[in-house]
Amino acid sequence: MLCRLLIVWLLCTFSVSVAKIYNFISFDALTDGETEKLVHFNGVTAKETSVVPHGAASGQSLKLRQVTDGVHFIQLIYSGDGVLRDCEYIRQREAVQSFLETFHTSVESRGNITTLDKTGLPKEVAEWLDYQKLKDQCKRNHKQLKRLARRKMHGSEHQKRKANRDLERSRRSLYDYLLFPGTKWCGHSQSASSYPDLGNLGELDKCCRRHDQCNEIIPGFSTEYGLLNYRPFTISHCSCDRRFRSCLKMADTGVANLVGKLFFNVVQTKCFVFKKEKICSKRSWWGKCKKSKYQLQAYMRDNIPY
């Protein structure tokens, strides 16, 4: 009797878990101009976060698309014109599991979920839910950036100038979408005439100003502290980013929270930490180390989500 009850319980549990895995789409408009789409379709799970800053044109937006086939995970950032600006292809099982857990929590809190049949995926969603297509797109993006990086570091003077222009255009086209009305320090182009000069959104501007003063940075496609920054924009020491995050939280305004979401959740800017490493500073003619010293080595890290 006990064995029979156990079998029935297992069958019921299995049925419930399978019932949860169905094709659906959910759309939600959040605060501060942020919208979110959750999709599960034929084994592919995806989330699209779109942000249009208040007062910005409808085309002046950023989109973060996160897609997994259950084994691999890919993240892509698009500007409002549909151009891929940055992407990351992740193979770690922990990243997939973390995304699926967050996705599941979001689904449970939703009330507006629309179930789909096998062929019922909206066209505008189907276009970016092709996992292999996204992976190939990301690979092409990385090849292009690596080619620019090689030209910047090892090319002729003409190639270096052209690579710098292309990298600056790429950096500007992404960060121009992070400009905020009422600020003079938040965004790619600062309009402040002096250090005390702040915009109407003073508390937010102070946060951006302090972050801009971070002394430990690695510019895009440059090597500092033994670490190559393979992205087209500057990364800062993690302590600077932590202070920036805390400052935005303390400001606690709608615009400050939007800046935090864009910087930490959408663009997902990386940061770096230091570790002391022992290196040989002087060798004998035979190659034996005669003198050693410790130097700071930088290591890339993920920022804490906002």
Protein backbone atom coordinates (compact mmCIF):
# COMPACT_ATOMS: atom_id res chain seq x y z
CA MET A 1 0.00 0.00 0.00
CA LEU A 2 2.82 2.39 0.94
CA CYS A 3 4.65 1.57 -2.28
CA ARG A 4 1.50 2.25 -4.34
CA LEU A 5 0.99 5.63 -2.66
CA LEU A 6 4.62 6.55 -3.34
CA ILE A 7 4.22 5.75 -7.05
CA VAL A 8 1.04 7.84 -7.26
CA TRP A 9 2.81 10.76 -5.54
CA LEU A 10 5.76 10.58 -7.93
CA LEU A 11 3.46 10.50 -10.96
CA CYS A 12 1.53 13.52 -9.68
CA THR A 13 4.75 15.43 -8.96
CA PHE A 14 6.11 14.65 -12.42
CA SER A 15 2.83 15.73 -14.03
CA VAL A 16 2.87 19.06 -12.19
CA SER A 17 6.49 19.79 -13.19
CA VAL A 18 5.77 18.94 -16.83
CA ALA A 19 2.62 21.07 -16.78
CA LYS A 20 4.73 24.08 -15.91
CA ILE A 21 6.84 23.69 -19.04
CA TYR A 22 4.58 25.15 -21.73
CA ASN A 23 4.98 27.75 -24.44
CA PHE A 24 4.06 31.22 -23.22
CA ILE A 25 4.82 34.91 -23.48
CA SER A 26 4.42 37.63 -20.88
CA PHE A 27 4.70 41.39 -21.31
CA ASP A 28 4.98 43.88 -18.46
CA ALA A 29 5.52 47.65 -18.40
CA LEU A 30 7.60 48.53 -15.35
CA THR A 31 8.42 51.91 -13.84
CA ASP A 32 10.88 54.45 -15.25
CA GLY A 33 10.18 53.58 -18.89
CA GLU A 34 11.27 49.96 -18.55
CA THR A 35 9.43 47.11 -20.29
CA GLU A 36 10.02 43.40 -19.96
CA LYS A 37 9.14 40.37 -22.10
CA LEU A 38 9.40 36.81 -20.81
CA VAL A 39 9.20 33.98 -23.35
CA HIS A 40 9.45 30.21 -23.22
CA PHE A 41 9.05 28.48 -26.57
CA ASN A 42 9.98 24.96 -27.66
CA GLY A 43 12.80 24.57 -25.14
CA VAL A 44 14.21 28.09 -25.46
CA THR A 45 13.82 30.52 -22.55
CA ALA A 46 14.32 34.24 -23.11
CA LYS A 47 13.95 37.63 -21.49
CA GLU A 48 14.00 41.04 -23.17
CA THR A 49 14.45 44.18 -21.07
CA SER A 50 13.90 47.45 -22.91
CA VAL A 51 14.56 50.88 -21.43
CA VAL A 52 13.63 54.30 -22.81
CA PRO A 53 14.83 57.11 -20.48
CA HIS A 54 12.17 59.68 -19.56
CA GLY A 55 12.20 62.53 -22.04
CA ALA A 56 14.14 60.57 -24.66
CA ALA A 57 12.90 59.80 -28.17
CA SER A 58 11.21 56.42 -28.70
CA GLY A 59 14.12 55.21 -30.83
CA GLN A 60 16.63 56.21 -28.16
CA SER A 61 16.48 53.01 -26.17
CA LEU A 62 18.55 50.06 -25.05
CA LYS A 63 17.51 46.43 -25.21
CA LEU A 64 19.03 43.55 -23.28
CA ARG A 65 18.15 40.10 -24.60
CA GLN A 66 19.04 37.04 -22.54
CA VAL A 67 18.47 33.65 -24.14
CA THR A 68 19.23 30.08 -23.10
CA ASP A 69 18.58 26.67 -24.59
CA GLY A 70 18.95 25.13 -21.14
CA VAL A 71 22.65 24.40 -21.61
CA HIS A 72 24.20 27.60 -22.97
CA PHE A 73 23.44 31.23 -22.22
CA ILE A 74 23.83 34.35 -24.33
CA GLN A 75 23.32 38.05 -23.55
CA LEU A 76 23.09 40.75 -26.22
CA ILE A 77 22.72 44.54 -25.99
CA TYR A 78 21.05 46.43 -28.84
CA SER A 79 20.58 50.15 -29.35
CA GLY A 80 17.25 51.56 -30.47
CA ASP A 81 18.22 51.27 -34.14
CA GLY A 82 18.51 47.50 -33.77
CA VAL A 83 22.32 47.42 -33.99
CA LEU A 84 24.15 44.93 -31.75
CA ARG A 85 26.46 46.88 -29.43
CA ASP A 86 27.79 44.21 -27.11
CA CYS A 87 27.25 40.54 -26.35
CA GLU A 88 28.49 37.72 -24.17
CA TYR A 89 28.33 33.97 -24.78
CA ILE A 90 28.46 32.01 -21.52
CA ARG A 91 29.00 28.28 -21.14
CA GLN A 92 28.95 28.01 -17.34
CA ARG A 93 26.12 25.87 -15.99
CA GLU A 94 25.82 28.16 -12.95
CA ALA A 95 24.96 31.15 -15.17
CA VAL A 96 22.22 29.18 -16.93
CA GLN A 97 20.79 27.96 -13.62
CA SER A 98 20.86 31.45 -12.08
CA PHE A 99 19.05 32.95 -15.07
CA LEU A 100 16.39 30.21 -15.08
CA GLU A 101 15.77 30.65 -11.34
CA THR A 102 15.36 34.42 -11.74
CA PHE A 103 13.14 33.86 -14.77
CA HIS A 104 10.96 31.38 -12.86
CA THR A 105 10.56 33.84 -9.96
CA SER A 106 9.49 36.59 -12.38
CA VAL A 107 6.95 34.29 -14.05
CA GLU A 108 5.40 33.35 -10.70
CA SER A 109 4.78 37.03 -9.89
CA ARG A 110 3.08 37.72 -13.23
CA GLY A 111 -0.63 37.65 -13.92
CA ASN A 112 -0.56 38.50 -17.62
CA ILE A 113 0.77 35.28 -19.16
CA THR A 114 -0.40 34.21 -22.62
CA THR A 115 0.00 30.56 -23.58
CA LEU A 116 1.12 29.78 -27.12
CA ASP A 117 0.73 26.78 -29.40
CA LYS A 118 3.63 25.28 -31.36
CA THR A 119 3.38 27.86 -34.16
CA GLY A 120 1.92 30.79 -32.25
CA LEU A 121 5.05 32.81 -31.53
CA PRO A 122 4.65 36.47 -32.60
CA LYS A 123 6.85 37.37 -35.57
CA GLU A 124 8.68 40.20 -33.79
CA VAL A 125 9.68 37.77 -31.03
CA ALA A 126 10.48 34.84 -33.33
CA GLU A 127 13.09 36.99 -35.07
CA TRP A 128 15.30 37.13 -31.98
CA LEU A 129 14.50 33.78 -30.40
CA ASP A 130 16.67 31.80 -32.84
CA TYR A 131 19.48 30.76 -30.47
CA GLN A 132 21.95 29.66 -33.16
CA LYS A 133 21.39 32.87 -35.12
CA LEU A 134 22.09 34.96 -32.00
CA LYS A 135 25.23 32.95 -31.26
CA ASP A 136 26.55 33.50 -34.81
CA GLN A 137 25.72 37.21 -34.55
CA CYS A 138 27.66 37.47 -31.29
CA LYS A 139 30.67 35.66 -32.79
CA ARG A 140 30.74 38.08 -35.73
CA ASN A 141 30.58 41.02 -33.31
CA HIS A 142 33.53 39.66 -31.29
CA LYS A 143 35.59 39.04 -34.44
CA GLN A 144 35.00 42.61 -35.56
CA LEU A 145 36.01 44.03 -32.17
CA LYS A 146 39.12 41.81 -32.00
CA ARG A 147 40.12 42.96 -35.47
CA LEU A 148 39.78 46.60 -34.38
CA ALA A 149 41.78 45.87 -31.23
CA ARG A 150 44.63 44.28 -33.23
CA ARG A 151 44.73 47.25 -35.59
CA LYS A 152 44.73 49.69 -32.70
CA MET A 153 47.65 47.97 -30.97
CA HIS A 154 49.71 46.55 -33.85
CA GLY A 155 48.56 48.19 -37.10
CA SER A 156 50.08 50.95 -39.19
CA GLU A 157 49.50 54.57 -38.20
CA HIS A 158 46.62 54.80 -40.67
CA GLN A 159 45.06 51.58 -39.33
CA LYS A 160 45.46 52.78 -35.74
CA ARG A 161 43.72 56.08 -36.49
CA LYS A 162 40.86 54.34 -38.29
CA ALA A 163 40.52 51.74 -35.50
CA ASN A 164 40.40 54.51 -32.88
CA ARG A 165 37.67 56.31 -34.84
CA ASP A 166 35.62 53.12 -35.19
CA LEU A 167 36.03 52.26 -31.51
CA GLU A 168 35.10 55.79 -30.46
CA ARG A 169 32.00 55.62 -32.68
CA SER A 170 31.03 52.29 -31.13
CA ARG A 171 31.61 53.62 -27.61
CA ARG A 172 29.71 56.84 -28.30
CA SER A 173 26.78 55.13 -30.01
CA LEU A 174 26.23 52.98 -26.93
CA TYR A 175 26.77 55.60 -24.24
CA ASP A 176 24.78 58.28 -26.02
CA TYR A 177 21.78 56.18 -24.98
CA LEU A 178 22.78 56.72 -21.35
CA LEU A 179 22.56 60.51 -21.48
CA PHE A 180 20.00 61.91 -19.07
CA PRO A 181 18.29 65.31 -19.24
CA GLY A 182 18.99 67.39 -16.15
CA THR A 183 22.49 65.99 -15.60
CA LYS A 184 25.93 67.25 -16.57
CA TRP A 185 28.03 64.26 -15.53
CA CYS A 186 25.88 61.25 -16.45
CA GLY A 187 26.66 60.04 -19.94
CA HIS A 188 29.37 59.87 -22.55
CA SER A 189 29.67 63.62 -23.10
CA GLN A 190 30.01 65.69 -19.94
CA SER A 191 28.68 69.24 -20.16
CA ALA A 192 29.91 70.42 -16.75
CA SER A 193 32.13 73.50 -16.97
CA SER A 194 33.84 72.78 -13.64
CA TYR A 195 33.84 70.26 -10.79
CA PRO A 196 31.16 72.10 -8.71
CA ASP A 197 28.92 72.49 -11.78
CA LEU A 198 25.89 70.20 -11.39
CA GLY A 199 22.65 69.79 -13.31
CA ASN A 200 19.09 70.02 -12.00
CA LEU A 201 19.27 66.41 -10.79
CA GLY A 202 21.98 67.26 -8.30
CA GLU A 203 22.10 64.06 -6.23
CA LEU A 204 22.30 61.86 -9.34
CA ASP A 205 24.92 64.13 -10.88
CA LYS A 206 27.08 63.84 -7.74
CA CYS A 207 27.03 60.04 -8.08
CA CYS A 208 28.11 60.19 -11.73
CA ARG A 209 30.74 62.84 -10.98
CA ARG A 210 32.31 60.75 -8.24
CA HIS A 211 32.34 57.67 -10.45
CA ASP A 212 34.02 59.65 -13.24
CA GLN A 213 36.82 60.55 -10.81
CA CYS A 214 37.78 56.89 -10.27
CA ASN A 215 41.58 56.71 -10.58
CA GLU A 216 41.82 52.99 -11.34
CA ILE A 217 40.38 52.40 -14.80
CA ILE A 218 41.18 50.44 -17.96
CA PRO A 219 40.10 52.17 -21.21
CA GLY A 220 38.43 50.15 -23.93
CA PHE A 221 40.73 47.77 -25.81
CA SER A 222 43.67 48.72 -23.63
CA THR A 223 45.88 46.72 -21.32
CA GLU A 224 46.50 48.01 -17.80
CA TYR A 225 47.64 46.15 -14.69
CA GLY A 226 48.20 43.06 -16.85
CA LEU A 227 44.55 42.86 -17.98
CA LEU A 228 43.18 43.43 -21.49
CA ASN A 229 39.84 45.20 -21.51
CA TYR A 230 38.28 43.53 -24.55
CA ARG A 231 35.22 45.79 -24.56
CA PRO A 232 34.94 49.13 -26.38
CA PHE A 233 34.30 51.16 -23.23
CA THR A 234 36.16 51.89 -20.01
CA ILE A 235 35.89 49.63 -16.97
CA SER A 236 36.62 50.72 -13.40
CA HIS A 237 37.85 49.11 -10.22
CA CYS A 238 35.02 47.23 -8.50
CA SER A 239 35.26 49.49 -5.44
CA CYS A 240 34.41 52.51 -7.64
CA ASP A 241 31.41 50.71 -9.11
CA ARG A 242 30.25 49.62 -5.64
CA ARG A 243 30.36 53.23 -4.43
CA PHE A 244 28.46 54.30 -7.55
CA ARG A 245 25.80 51.67 -6.90
CA SER A 246 25.45 52.70 -3.22
CA CYS A 247 25.24 56.38 -4.17
CA LEU A 248 22.42 55.72 -6.65
CA LYS A 249 20.56 53.69 -4.02
CA MET A 250 20.95 56.51 -1.49
CA ALA A 251 19.68 59.08 -4.02
CA ASP A 252 16.57 56.87 -4.34
CA THR A 253 14.91 58.75 -7.20
CA GLY A 254 13.25 57.34 -10.28
CA VAL A 255 15.99 58.61 -12.59
CA ALA A 256 18.80 57.43 -10.28
CA ASN A 257 17.28 53.96 -10.17
CA LEU A 258 16.98 53.95 -13.96
CA VAL A 259 20.68 54.85 -14.28
CA GLY A 260 21.48 51.98 -11.92
CA LYS A 261 19.39 49.52 -13.91
CA LEU A 262 20.99 50.60 -17.19
CA PHE A 263 24.56 50.51 -15.89
CA PHE A 264 24.40 47.35 -13.79
CA ASN A 265 21.51 45.30 -15.25
CA VAL A 266 21.25 46.20 -18.93
CA VAL A 267 24.73 47.22 -20.08
CA GLN A 268 26.10 45.00 -17.27
CA THR A 269 29.41 46.83 -17.09
CA LYS A 270 32.30 44.70 -15.86
CA CYS A 271 34.74 45.78 -13.17
CA PHE A 272 38.14 44.54 -11.98
CA VAL A 273 39.92 43.73 -8.72
CA PHE A 274 43.61 43.59 -7.82
CA LYS A 275 45.66 40.67 -6.61
CA LYS A 276 49.35 40.79 -5.73
CA GLU A 277 51.47 38.41 -7.77
CA LYS A 278 55.13 37.56 -7.43
CA ILE A 279 57.16 38.09 -10.61
CA CYS A 280 60.83 37.89 -11.49
CA SER A 281 62.31 41.37 -11.93
CA LYS A 282 65.89 40.33 -12.69
CA ARG A 283 67.34 37.19 -14.26
CA SER A 284 70.85 35.87 -14.67
CA TRP A 285 72.43 35.27 -18.06
CA TRP A 286 71.33 31.61 -17.71
CA GLY A 287 67.72 32.60 -17.07
CA LYS A 288 67.70 31.98 -13.33
CA CYS A 289 65.67 34.47 -11.30
CA LYS A 290 67.97 36.63 -9.16
CA LYS A 291 65.44 39.14 -7.88
CA SER A 292 61.66 39.01 -7.39
CA LYS A 293 59.02 41.60 -6.66
CA TYR A 294 55.26 41.79 -6.14
CA GLN A 295 53.06 43.69 -8.54
CA LEU A 296 49.32 44.29 -8.87
CA GLN A 297 47.51 42.10 -11.37
CA ALA A 298 43.94 42.98 -12.38
CA TYR A 299 41.21 40.36 -12.76
CA MET A 300 37.83 40.94 -14.44
CA ARG A 301 34.71 40.52 -12.32
CA ASP A 302 30.93 40.82 -12.76
CA ASN A 303 29.21 43.68 -10.96
CA ILE A 304 26.39 43.05 -8.49
CA PRO A 305 22.99 43.61 -10.19
CA TYR A 306 21.15 46.77 -9.18
